[in-house]
Amino acid sequence: MSRWALLAGVLLLVALHIGLPADLFAEVDNETARLILLELRAPRTLLTITYGATLGVCGAALQAIFANPLASPDITGAASGGAFGAVATAHFAGIAAPLAMAFGGALGAGAALLLLFLIAGRGADPARLLLAGLAIALAAGAGTSLLLALAPSPFAFYDSWRWLMGNLVERSWGQVLAAFIPALIACLWIWKDRRAYDLLALGEDVSAAMGMSPARLARRTIILSAIAVGACVAIAGAIGFVGLIAPIAARALVKGHPGRAIGPSALIGASVLLAADLLTRFAPDGRTIPVGVITALIGTPLFIALLLSLKPRVTS
């Protein structure tokens, strides 16, 4: 499948995402239909594309620097750290503005990724990476749950729970831009480093001989991934498995080159999240299914299959 075919698939999903369900427009006047398109569906679609592409790009970059196919934003604890940072910002600073939440999410995601890199490091075996990421995610999740339990009202707790499970509904343009702008800048910077990720795959000695610093690349990737993922998590909650599935599928298309996989991974990530959010619209009337539930149902079997396919390392 070529990149043009992927792009065509994304554009088709964008059209469906904005247009469905179409029968709603037959029941309202033109002005109301315009407001629905511009104020409800368009920001939701842009946020979905932004979040999905961000997970794809950051997942591909993290898998490159950790040299591990399991290093995705959710499994490494970055998403949980971003959620904790956003909630902590609102709880302790008393600021729930989109930009403040995005800043807090970036700090939380960055702290989680830095801690994981210190514990596991590059080239860690899957078991070590999984355990370290699980520990960080559990700690961040426990902190988030504690802050939500101290929420001022049960309604605030319920709204926060819906957000934590991944919620793209009813986001304003201000909230969408608070995620879109930092995510776009960070992802473009990661994409600019795509050749460096290919060099890194040849080994740290080879990449250093070519004038590239693996340590500097790792630090930059962690910071940029934290900014992008943290901003998206702060606005739409934690959405799992997209950052794991998209890079693996993209590397299969580019024959294993991690740098070349970044562009296709963005397109695949956006496609997966657009499709998952479309599925949430088939929920019964009056019910809301968080998009994170859909991605988890899709991603869990694939994650198990990936674990079973990994060969254990032989130690002497």
Protein backbone atom coordinates (compact mmCIF):
# COMPACT_ATOMS: atom_id res chain seq x y z
CA MET A 1 0.00 0.00 0.00
CA SER A 2 1.47 3.38 -1.02
CA ARG A 3 1.39 6.60 0.93
CA TRP A 4 -1.05 8.01 -1.62
CA ALA A 5 -3.44 5.14 -0.89
CA LEU A 6 -3.09 5.83 2.84
CA LEU A 7 -3.76 9.52 2.27
CA ALA A 8 -6.83 8.70 0.17
CA GLY A 9 -8.09 6.46 2.97
CA VAL A 10 -7.63 9.23 5.52
CA LEU A 11 -9.52 11.72 3.32
CA LEU A 12 -12.39 9.25 2.91
CA LEU A 13 -12.58 8.72 6.67
CA VAL A 14 -12.49 12.50 7.22
CA ALA A 15 -15.48 12.93 4.89
CA LEU A 16 -17.38 10.18 6.70
CA HIS A 17 -16.39 11.56 10.11
CA ILE A 18 -17.74 15.01 9.30
CA GLY A 19 -20.81 13.84 7.38
CA LEU A 20 -22.18 10.95 9.46
CA PRO A 21 -24.86 10.62 10.63
CA ALA A 22 -26.22 12.53 7.65
CA ASP A 23 -29.94 12.22 8.46
CA LEU A 24 -29.52 14.87 11.17
CA PHE A 25 -29.14 17.61 8.56
CA ALA A 26 -32.54 16.81 7.03
CA GLU A 27 -34.22 17.71 10.33
CA VAL A 28 -32.69 21.17 10.86
CA ASP A 29 -32.50 24.44 8.94
CA ASN A 30 -29.44 25.60 7.03
CA GLU A 31 -28.09 27.84 9.80
CA THR A 32 -28.31 25.08 12.39
CA ALA A 33 -26.67 22.63 9.98
CA ARG A 34 -23.83 25.12 9.45
CA LEU A 35 -23.32 25.49 13.20
CA ILE A 36 -23.27 21.71 13.65
CA LEU A 37 -20.62 21.35 10.96
CA LEU A 38 -18.39 24.24 12.01
CA GLU A 39 -18.75 24.22 15.80
CA LEU A 40 -19.24 20.53 16.62
CA ARG A 41 -18.07 18.19 13.88
CA ALA A 42 -15.16 20.12 12.37
CA PRO A 43 -13.28 20.62 15.67
CA ARG A 44 -13.97 16.99 16.64
CA THR A 45 -12.59 15.78 13.32
CA LEU A 46 -9.48 17.95 13.55
CA LEU A 47 -8.85 16.80 17.12
CA THR A 48 -9.25 13.16 16.07
CA ILE A 49 -6.78 13.55 13.21
CA THR A 50 -4.35 15.44 15.46
CA TYR A 51 -4.47 12.89 18.27
CA GLY A 52 -4.27 9.84 15.99
CA ALA A 53 -1.38 11.24 13.94
CA THR A 54 0.44 12.30 17.11
CA LEU A 55 0.20 8.82 18.58
CA GLY A 56 1.47 7.34 15.32
CA VAL A 57 4.44 9.71 15.02
CA CYS A 58 5.46 9.55 18.69
CA GLY A 59 4.97 5.78 18.82
CA ALA A 60 7.30 5.34 15.83
CA ALA A 61 9.92 7.66 17.33
CA LEU A 62 9.80 6.04 20.78
CA GLN A 63 10.08 2.56 19.30
CA ALA A 64 13.15 3.77 17.40
CA ILE A 65 15.00 5.23 20.39
CA PHE A 66 14.09 2.35 22.72
CA ALA A 67 14.81 -0.18 19.94
CA ASN A 68 11.68 -2.00 21.08
CA PRO A 69 8.36 -2.55 19.24
CA LEU A 70 6.46 -2.29 22.54
CA ALA A 71 7.52 1.30 23.25
CA SER A 72 4.31 3.22 22.60
CA PRO A 73 2.96 6.31 24.41
CA ASP A 74 0.42 4.30 26.43
CA ILE A 75 2.60 1.31 27.34
CA THR A 76 5.54 3.52 28.33
CA GLY A 77 3.32 5.41 30.78
CA ALA A 78 3.46 8.69 28.83
CA ALA A 79 -0.32 8.85 28.37
CA SER A 80 -0.98 8.13 32.05
CA GLY A 81 1.66 10.67 33.05
CA GLY A 82 0.06 13.25 30.78
CA ALA A 83 -3.35 12.64 32.33
CA PHE A 84 -1.91 13.00 35.83
CA GLY A 85 -0.11 16.21 34.87
CA ALA A 86 -3.27 17.73 33.42
CA VAL A 87 -5.43 16.77 36.39
CA ALA A 88 -2.78 17.97 38.85
CA THR A 89 -2.60 21.32 37.07
CA ALA A 90 -6.35 21.80 37.39
CA HIS A 91 -6.42 20.53 40.99
CA PHE A 92 -3.46 22.31 42.58
CA ALA A 93 -3.14 25.40 40.41
CA GLY A 94 -6.89 25.76 39.99
CA ILE A 95 -6.43 26.41 36.27
CA ALA A 96 -8.54 24.42 33.82
CA ALA A 97 -7.78 26.55 30.74
CA PRO A 98 -6.83 24.46 27.68
CA LEU A 99 -3.29 25.83 27.42
CA ALA A 100 -2.59 25.28 31.11
CA MET A 101 -3.93 21.73 30.93
CA ALA A 102 -1.81 21.08 27.83
CA PHE A 103 1.28 22.40 29.62
CA GLY A 104 0.60 20.22 32.65
CA GLY A 105 -0.01 17.20 30.42
CA ALA A 106 3.32 17.76 28.65
CA LEU A 107 5.16 17.94 31.97
CA GLY A 108 3.52 14.75 33.21
CA ALA A 109 4.21 12.84 30.00
CA GLY A 110 7.81 14.06 29.93
CA ALA A 111 8.42 12.96 33.51
CA ALA A 112 7.01 9.50 32.75
CA LEU A 113 9.15 9.06 29.60
CA LEU A 114 12.29 10.30 31.33
CA LEU A 115 11.73 7.95 34.23
CA LEU A 116 11.18 5.04 31.86
CA PHE A 117 14.37 5.82 29.95
CA LEU A 118 16.32 5.92 33.22
CA ILE A 119 14.85 2.59 34.37
CA ALA A 120 14.80 0.61 31.12
CA GLY A 121 17.10 2.42 28.71
CA ARG A 122 17.70 1.69 25.06
CA GLY A 123 17.50 -1.92 23.94
CA ALA A 124 15.79 -3.20 27.08
CA ASP A 125 14.12 -6.56 26.70
CA PRO A 126 10.30 -6.47 26.34
CA ALA A 127 9.68 -7.78 29.86
CA ARG A 128 11.75 -5.02 31.48
CA LEU A 129 10.15 -2.33 29.34
CA LEU A 130 6.65 -3.63 30.05
CA LEU A 131 7.21 -3.86 33.80
CA ALA A 132 8.77 -0.42 34.02
CA GLY A 133 6.02 1.13 31.89
CA LEU A 134 3.34 -0.68 33.89
CA ALA A 135 4.77 0.57 37.18
CA ILE A 136 4.87 4.16 35.94
CA ALA A 137 1.35 3.93 34.47
CA LEU A 138 -0.04 2.42 37.69
CA ALA A 139 1.58 5.11 39.83
CA ALA A 140 0.33 7.91 37.57
CA GLY A 141 -3.12 6.32 37.38
CA ALA A 142 -3.31 6.02 41.16
CA GLY A 143 -2.36 9.68 41.54
CA THR A 144 -4.97 10.70 38.97
CA SER A 145 -7.66 8.61 40.68
CA LEU A 146 -6.82 10.17 44.03
CA LEU A 147 -7.18 13.68 42.64
CA LEU A 148 -10.45 12.78 40.94
CA ALA A 149 -11.75 11.25 44.17
CA LEU A 150 -11.15 14.65 45.77
CA ALA A 151 -13.18 16.35 43.04
CA PRO A 152 -15.69 18.91 44.36
CA SER A 153 -18.76 17.01 43.13
CA PRO A 154 -19.80 13.59 41.80
CA PHE A 155 -20.67 15.24 38.48
CA ALA A 156 -17.11 16.52 38.15
CA PHE A 157 -15.84 13.02 38.87
CA TYR A 158 -18.06 11.50 36.17
CA ASP A 159 -17.02 14.10 33.59
CA SER A 160 -13.38 13.47 34.44
CA TRP A 161 -13.87 9.70 34.10
CA ARG A 162 -15.34 10.15 30.61
CA TRP A 163 -12.37 12.35 29.71
CA LEU A 164 -9.83 9.85 31.07
CA MET A 165 -11.27 7.03 28.94
CA GLY A 166 -10.76 9.11 25.80
CA ASN A 167 -13.41 11.61 24.82
CA LEU A 168 -13.40 13.62 21.59
CA VAL A 169 -16.94 14.95 21.95
CA GLU A 170 -17.92 18.59 22.51
CA ARG A 171 -14.46 20.11 22.28
CA SER A 172 -14.28 23.80 21.43
CA TRP A 173 -11.96 25.33 18.86
CA GLY A 174 -9.85 26.74 21.70
CA GLN A 175 -9.36 23.29 23.18
CA VAL A 176 -8.60 21.76 19.79
CA LEU A 177 -5.99 24.41 18.98
CA ALA A 178 -4.38 23.92 22.40
CA ALA A 179 -3.68 20.33 21.33
CA PHE A 180 -3.14 20.92 17.61
CA ILE A 181 -0.47 23.65 17.70
CA PRO A 182 2.04 22.04 20.11
CA ALA A 183 1.42 18.58 18.64
CA LEU A 184 1.99 19.83 15.09
CA ILE A 185 5.25 21.61 15.99
CA ALA A 186 6.59 18.62 17.94
CA CYS A 187 5.60 16.06 15.29
CA LEU A 188 7.15 18.11 12.48
CA TRP A 189 10.39 18.28 14.46
CA ILE A 190 10.33 14.51 14.96
CA TRP A 191 9.66 14.02 11.25
CA LYS A 192 12.66 16.26 10.49
CA ASP A 193 14.83 13.77 12.42
CA ARG A 194 13.60 10.79 10.38
CA ARG A 195 17.01 10.10 8.83
CA ALA A 196 18.61 10.10 12.28
CA TYR A 197 16.24 7.33 13.40
CA ASP A 198 17.31 5.24 10.40
CA LEU A 199 20.95 5.77 11.34
CA LEU A 200 20.21 4.84 14.94
CA ALA A 201 18.81 1.52 13.76
CA LEU A 202 22.29 0.66 12.42
CA GLY A 203 23.73 0.91 15.92
CA GLU A 204 24.93 3.67 18.22
CA ASP A 205 28.56 3.33 17.06
CA VAL A 206 27.61 3.71 13.40
CA SER A 207 25.32 6.67 14.07
CA ALA A 208 27.98 8.38 16.21
CA ALA A 209 30.54 7.87 13.43
CA MET A 210 28.12 9.60 11.04
CA GLY A 211 28.08 12.66 13.31
CA MET A 212 24.79 11.96 15.10
CA SER A 213 24.52 11.88 18.89
CA PRO A 214 22.19 9.04 20.01
CA ALA A 215 21.86 10.49 23.52
CA ARG A 216 20.89 13.92 22.19
CA LEU A 217 18.39 12.35 19.78
CA ALA A 218 16.84 10.33 22.62
CA ARG A 219 16.48 13.40 24.84
CA ARG A 220 14.97 15.43 22.03
CA THR A 221 12.53 12.65 21.13
CA ILE A 222 11.41 12.27 24.74
CA ILE A 223 10.81 16.02 25.09
CA LEU A 224 8.97 16.35 21.78
CA SER A 225 6.84 13.24 22.41
CA ALA A 226 5.96 14.56 25.85
CA ILE A 227 4.84 17.90 24.40
CA ALA A 228 2.74 16.31 21.64
CA VAL A 229 1.19 13.46 23.62
CA GLY A 230 0.74 15.52 26.78
CA ALA A 231 -1.14 18.27 24.94
CA CYS A 232 -3.49 15.76 23.28
CA VAL A 233 -4.09 13.79 26.49
CA ALA A 234 -4.86 16.98 28.38
CA ILE A 235 -7.66 17.81 25.94
CA ALA A 236 -9.06 14.38 25.00
CA GLY A 237 -7.89 11.94 27.69
CA ALA A 238 -5.76 8.81 27.37
CA ILE A 239 -6.36 6.69 24.24
CA GLY A 240 -4.47 3.42 24.08
CA PHE A 241 -2.98 1.09 21.47
CA VAL A 242 -3.05 3.51 18.50
CA GLY A 243 0.57 4.45 19.18
CA LEU A 244 1.47 0.76 19.26
CA ILE A 245 -0.44 -0.47 16.20
CA ALA A 246 0.30 2.38 13.76
CA PRO A 247 4.14 2.26 13.87
CA ILE A 248 4.23 -1.54 13.55
CA ALA A 249 1.96 -1.43 10.50
CA ALA A 250 3.96 1.47 9.04
CA ARG A 251 7.30 -0.32 9.44
CA ALA A 252 5.86 -3.29 7.57
CA LEU A 253 5.08 -0.94 4.67
CA VAL A 254 8.59 0.57 4.55
CA LYS A 255 10.46 -2.70 5.13
CA GLY A 256 11.53 -1.97 8.69
CA HIS A 257 13.04 1.53 8.38
CA PRO A 258 11.99 3.39 11.56
CA GLY A 259 12.59 6.86 10.12
CA ARG A 260 10.70 6.26 6.90
CA ALA A 261 7.84 4.82 8.95
CA ILE A 262 7.07 8.12 10.69
CA GLY A 263 4.99 9.62 7.86
CA PRO A 264 2.93 6.48 7.16
CA SER A 265 2.54 5.94 10.90
CA ALA A 266 0.90 9.37 11.21
CA LEU A 267 -1.57 8.51 8.44
CA ILE A 268 -2.35 5.08 9.93
CA GLY A 269 -2.77 6.51 13.42
CA ALA A 270 -5.19 9.16 12.14
CA SER A 271 -7.12 6.52 10.18
CA VAL A 272 -7.43 4.16 13.16
CA LEU A 273 -8.71 6.88 15.48
CA LEU A 274 -11.12 8.29 12.88
CA ALA A 275 -12.56 4.80 12.33
CA ALA A 276 -12.78 4.13 16.09
CA ASP A 277 -14.58 7.43 16.70
CA LEU A 278 -17.02 6.63 13.90
CA LEU A 279 -17.87 3.36 15.67
CA THR A 280 -18.76 5.24 18.87
CA ARG A 281 -21.63 6.92 17.01
CA PHE A 282 -23.47 3.61 16.79
CA ALA A 283 -24.02 3.59 20.54
CA PRO A 284 -27.64 3.37 21.78
CA ASP A 285 -29.46 6.66 22.14
CA GLY A 286 -28.52 8.47 25.31
CA ARG A 287 -25.35 6.41 25.78
CA THR A 288 -21.79 7.54 25.20
CA ILE A 289 -18.99 5.09 24.47
CA PRO A 290 -15.52 6.56 25.07
CA VAL A 291 -13.31 6.13 22.01
CA GLY A 292 -10.58 4.68 24.22
CA VAL A 293 -12.81 1.66 24.85
CA ILE A 294 -13.02 0.99 21.11
CA THR A 295 -9.27 1.27 20.56
CA ALA A 296 -8.65 -1.04 23.53
CA LEU A 297 -11.05 -3.66 22.14
CA ILE A 298 -9.27 -3.51 18.78
CA GLY A 299 -5.74 -3.22 20.13
CA THR A 300 -5.72 -5.81 22.91
CA PRO A 301 -5.81 -8.90 20.63
CA LEU A 302 -3.14 -7.36 18.39
CA PHE A 303 -1.00 -6.58 21.42
CA ILE A 304 -1.27 -10.16 22.66
CA ALA A 305 -0.35 -11.44 19.18
CA LEU A 306 2.68 -9.15 19.16
CA LEU A 307 3.81 -10.42 22.56
CA LEU A 308 3.49 -14.02 21.40
CA SER A 309 5.52 -13.26 18.27
CA LEU A 310 8.48 -11.81 20.18
CA LYS A 311 11.27 -14.30 20.67
CA PRO A 312 12.71 -14.46 24.19
CA ARG A 313 16.30 -13.34 24.49
CA VAL A 314 18.86 -15.98 25.30
CA THR A 315 21.04 -15.06 28.24
CA SER A 316 24.28 -16.80 29.15
